[in-house]
Amino acid sequence: MLPTENKPKRRDKLVIMAEIIGIAKNGTSKTHIMFEANLSFSQLNKYLSALCQFRLLEKFAYNGREFYKATTKGIDFMEKQCQIINLLNEGTHAHRKRVKTLFDYTDLPRSKLLVR
């Protein structure tokens, strides 16, 4: 059996929320979000409901299909979450524990990041 320190940690709810917002930056379908964020259908529905309630995502219809798009407030949330993750990971080495994310935060504007 592998030591527990080598097992990846579960993603934090706030990290998952930021990942969903990042996936929906330009508008996308529920199915695309589900697969990209690696969530079950029931998990996805809970997150989408909360994100829309907090006005971090907006839901809209196009050609009879549901789509979700990040709001300005949602993008701001994602950028702040990115700063927190970078701060926590700052100075940690690859072999040490890092905040686990599926989303790549490196495509955000450099002025908003705490990267050295």
C-alpha atoms as a PDB file:
ATOM      1  CA  MET A   1       0.000   0.000   0.000  1.00  0.00           C
ATOM      2  CA  LEU A   2       1.226   3.510  -0.841  1.00  0.00           C
ATOM      3  CA  PRO A   3       1.882   6.007   1.937  1.00  0.00           C
ATOM      4  CA  THR A   4      -0.987   8.447   2.445  1.00  0.00           C
ATOM      5  CA  GLU A   5       1.243  11.472   1.786  1.00  0.00           C
ATOM      6  CA  ASN A   6       1.561  10.464  -1.897  1.00  0.00           C
ATOM      7  CA  LYS A   7      -2.187  10.248  -2.472  1.00  0.00           C
ATOM      8  CA  PRO A   8      -3.674  13.283  -4.198  1.00  0.00           C
ATOM      9  CA  LYS A   9      -5.926  15.375  -2.012  1.00  0.00           C
ATOM     10  CA  ARG A  10      -9.507  16.014  -2.969  1.00  0.00           C
ATOM     11  CA  ARG A  11     -10.320  19.329  -4.588  1.00  0.00           C
ATOM     12  CA  ASP A  12     -11.731  22.026  -2.386  1.00  0.00           C
ATOM     13  CA  LYS A  13     -15.241  23.274  -3.199  1.00  0.00           C
ATOM     14  CA  LEU A  14     -13.961  26.788  -3.899  1.00  0.00           C
ATOM     15  CA  VAL A  15     -11.351  25.394  -6.284  1.00  0.00           C
ATOM     16  CA  ILE A  16     -14.062  23.446  -8.124  1.00  0.00           C
ATOM     17  CA  MET A  17     -16.197  26.577  -8.335  1.00  0.00           C
ATOM     18  CA  ALA A  18     -13.284  28.532  -9.823  1.00  0.00           C
ATOM     19  CA  GLU A  19     -12.627  25.706 -12.303  1.00  0.00           C
ATOM     20  CA  ILE A  20     -16.263  25.738 -13.440  1.00  0.00           C
ATOM     21  CA  ILE A  21     -16.146  29.513 -13.896  1.00  0.00           C
ATOM     22  CA  GLY A  22     -12.950  29.175 -15.924  1.00  0.00           C
ATOM     23  CA  ILE A  23     -14.514  26.528 -18.140  1.00  0.00           C
ATOM     24  CA  ALA A  24     -17.586  28.736 -18.675  1.00  0.00           C
ATOM     25  CA  LYS A  25     -15.614  31.955 -19.328  1.00  0.00           C
ATOM     26  CA  ASN A  26     -16.887  32.276 -22.889  1.00  0.00           C
ATOM     27  CA  GLY A  27     -20.120  30.318 -22.496  1.00  0.00           C
ATOM     28  CA  THR A  28     -20.506  26.563 -22.762  1.00  0.00           C
ATOM     29  CA  SER A  29     -22.923  23.698 -22.267  1.00  0.00           C
ATOM     30  CA  LYS A  30     -23.662  21.838 -19.074  1.00  0.00           C
ATOM     31  CA  THR A  31     -22.224  18.629 -20.568  1.00  0.00           C
ATOM     32  CA  HIS A  32     -18.954  20.314 -21.479  1.00  0.00           C
ATOM     33  CA  ILE A  33     -18.595  21.701 -17.939  1.00  0.00           C
ATOM     34  CA  MET A  34     -19.366  18.285 -16.438  1.00  0.00           C
ATOM     35  CA  PHE A  35     -16.642  16.518 -18.430  1.00  0.00           C
ATOM     36  CA  GLU A  36     -14.007  19.261 -18.168  1.00  0.00           C
ATOM     37  CA  ALA A  37     -14.502  19.648 -14.399  1.00  0.00           C
ATOM     38  CA  ASN A  38     -14.675  15.876 -13.883  1.00  0.00           C
ATOM     39  CA  LEU A  39     -17.955  16.009 -11.934  1.00  0.00           C
ATOM     40  CA  SER A  40     -20.986  13.746 -11.769  1.00  0.00           C
ATOM     41  CA  PHE A  41     -24.308  15.075 -13.061  1.00  0.00           C
ATOM     42  CA  SER A  42     -25.695  15.542  -9.532  1.00  0.00           C
ATOM     43  CA  GLN A  43     -22.523  17.304  -8.326  1.00  0.00           C
ATOM     44  CA  LEU A  44     -22.596  19.565 -11.365  1.00  0.00           C
ATOM     45  CA  ASN A  45     -26.225  20.551 -10.772  1.00  0.00           C
ATOM     46  CA  LYS A  46     -25.454  21.560  -7.178  1.00  0.00           C
ATOM     47  CA  TYR A  47     -22.479  23.684  -8.231  1.00  0.00           C
ATOM     48  CA  LEU A  48     -24.324  25.321 -11.137  1.00  0.00           C
ATOM     49  CA  SER A  49     -27.266  26.150  -8.913  1.00  0.00           C
ATOM     50  CA  ALA A  50     -25.004  27.757  -6.296  1.00  0.00           C
ATOM     51  CA  LEU A  51     -22.901  29.620  -8.864  1.00  0.00           C
ATOM     52  CA  CYS A  52     -26.019  31.051 -10.522  1.00  0.00           C
ATOM     53  CA  GLN A  53     -27.518  31.944  -7.134  1.00  0.00           C
ATOM     54  CA  PHE A  54     -24.342  33.865  -6.219  1.00  0.00           C
ATOM     55  CA  ARG A  55     -24.418  35.461  -9.704  1.00  0.00           C
ATOM     56  CA  LEU A  56     -21.007  34.046 -10.588  1.00  0.00           C
ATOM     57  CA  LEU A  57     -22.522  32.313 -13.634  1.00  0.00           C
ATOM     58  CA  GLU A  58     -25.482  33.179 -15.780  1.00  0.00           C
ATOM     59  CA  LYS A  59     -27.674  30.643 -17.527  1.00  0.00           C
ATOM     60  CA  PHE A  60     -29.044  31.348 -20.994  1.00  0.00           C
ATOM     61  CA  ALA A  61     -30.760  29.471 -23.791  1.00  0.00           C
ATOM     62  CA  TYR A  62     -29.607  29.293 -27.389  1.00  0.00           C
ATOM     63  CA  ASN A  63     -31.307  27.190 -30.075  1.00  0.00           C
ATOM     64  CA  GLY A  64     -33.313  25.418 -27.378  1.00  0.00           C
ATOM     65  CA  ARG A  65     -30.226  24.383 -25.349  1.00  0.00           C
ATOM     66  CA  GLU A  66     -29.012  25.590 -21.951  1.00  0.00           C
ATOM     67  CA  PHE A  67     -25.653  27.304 -21.696  1.00  0.00           C
ATOM     68  CA  TYR A  68     -23.705  28.857 -18.845  1.00  0.00           C
ATOM     69  CA  LYS A  69     -21.386  31.843 -18.977  1.00  0.00           C
ATOM     70  CA  ALA A  70     -19.197  33.438 -16.320  1.00  0.00           C
ATOM     71  CA  THR A  71     -20.253  36.876 -15.120  1.00  0.00           C
ATOM     72  CA  THR A  72     -17.865  39.730 -14.354  1.00  0.00           C
ATOM     73  CA  LYS A  73     -18.281  38.873 -10.678  1.00  0.00           C
ATOM     74  CA  GLY A  74     -17.484  35.230 -11.493  1.00  0.00           C
ATOM     75  CA  ILE A  75     -14.279  36.139 -13.349  1.00  0.00           C
ATOM     76  CA  ASP A  76     -13.251  38.299 -10.382  1.00  0.00           C
ATOM     77  CA  PHE A  77     -13.913  35.346  -8.030  1.00  0.00           C
ATOM     78  CA  MET A  78     -11.839  33.026 -10.243  1.00  0.00           C
ATOM     79  CA  GLU A  79      -8.921  35.480 -10.362  1.00  0.00           C
ATOM     80  CA  LYS A  80      -8.943  35.885  -6.577  1.00  0.00           C
ATOM     81  CA  GLN A  81      -9.069  32.118  -6.111  1.00  0.00           C
ATOM     82  CA  CYS A  82      -6.080  31.886  -8.462  1.00  0.00           C
ATOM     83  CA  GLN A  83      -4.156  34.349  -6.302  1.00  0.00           C
ATOM     84  CA  ILE A  84      -4.900  32.255  -3.203  1.00  0.00           C
ATOM     85  CA  ILE A  85      -3.775  29.028  -4.896  1.00  0.00           C
ATOM     86  CA  ASN A  86      -0.578  30.667  -6.135  1.00  0.00           C
ATOM     87  CA  LEU A  87       0.082  32.027  -2.651  1.00  0.00           C
ATOM     88  CA  LEU A  88      -0.398  28.598  -1.066  1.00  0.00           C
ATOM     89  CA  ASN A  89       1.754  26.863  -3.680  1.00  0.00           C
ATOM     90  CA  GLU A  90       4.484  29.505  -3.545  1.00  0.00           C
ATOM     91  CA  GLY A  91       7.729  27.965  -2.406  1.00  0.00           C
ATOM     92  CA  THR A  92       6.424  24.382  -2.405  1.00  0.00           C
ATOM     93  CA  HIS A  93       8.366  21.843  -4.394  1.00  0.00           C
ATOM     94  CA  ALA A  94       6.907  19.290  -6.784  1.00  0.00           C
ATOM     95  CA  HIS A  95       7.389  16.481  -4.252  1.00  0.00           C
ATOM     96  CA  ARG A  96       5.497  18.389  -1.546  1.00  0.00           C
ATOM     97  CA  LYS A  97       1.773  18.834  -1.248  1.00  0.00           C
ATOM     98  CA  ARG A  98       0.332  21.473  -3.564  1.00  0.00           C
ATOM     99  CA  VAL A  99      -3.228  22.642  -3.955  1.00  0.00           C
ATOM    100  CA  LYS A 100      -4.788  20.240  -6.442  1.00  0.00           C
ATOM    101  CA  THR A 101      -6.557  21.797  -9.427  1.00  0.00           C
ATOM    102  CA  LEU A 102      -7.637  20.674 -12.868  1.00  0.00           C
ATOM    103  CA  PHE A 103      -7.724  24.226 -14.144  1.00  0.00           C
ATOM    104  CA  ASP A 104      -4.651  25.976 -15.511  1.00  0.00           C
ATOM    105  CA  TYR A 105      -4.524  29.466 -14.032  1.00  0.00           C
ATOM    106  CA  THR A 106      -1.572  30.575 -16.143  1.00  0.00           C
ATOM    107  CA  ASP A 107      -3.789  32.046 -18.875  1.00  0.00           C
ATOM    108  CA  LEU A 108      -5.036  34.826 -16.571  1.00  0.00           C
ATOM    109  CA  PRO A 109      -3.547  38.322 -16.917  1.00  0.00           C
ATOM    110  CA  ARG A 110      -0.105  38.472 -15.309  1.00  0.00           C
ATOM    111  CA  SER A 111      -0.948  41.631 -13.350  1.00  0.00           C
ATOM    112  CA  LYS A 112      -3.574  39.692 -11.426  1.00  0.00           C
ATOM    113  CA  LEU A 113      -1.304  36.791 -10.435  1.00  0.00           C
ATOM    114  CA  LEU A 114       1.042  36.364  -7.510  1.00  0.00           C
ATOM    115  CA  VAL A 115       3.591  34.446  -9.555  1.00  0.00           C
ATOM    116  CA  ARG A 116       7.314  35.081  -9.142  1.00  0.00           C
END
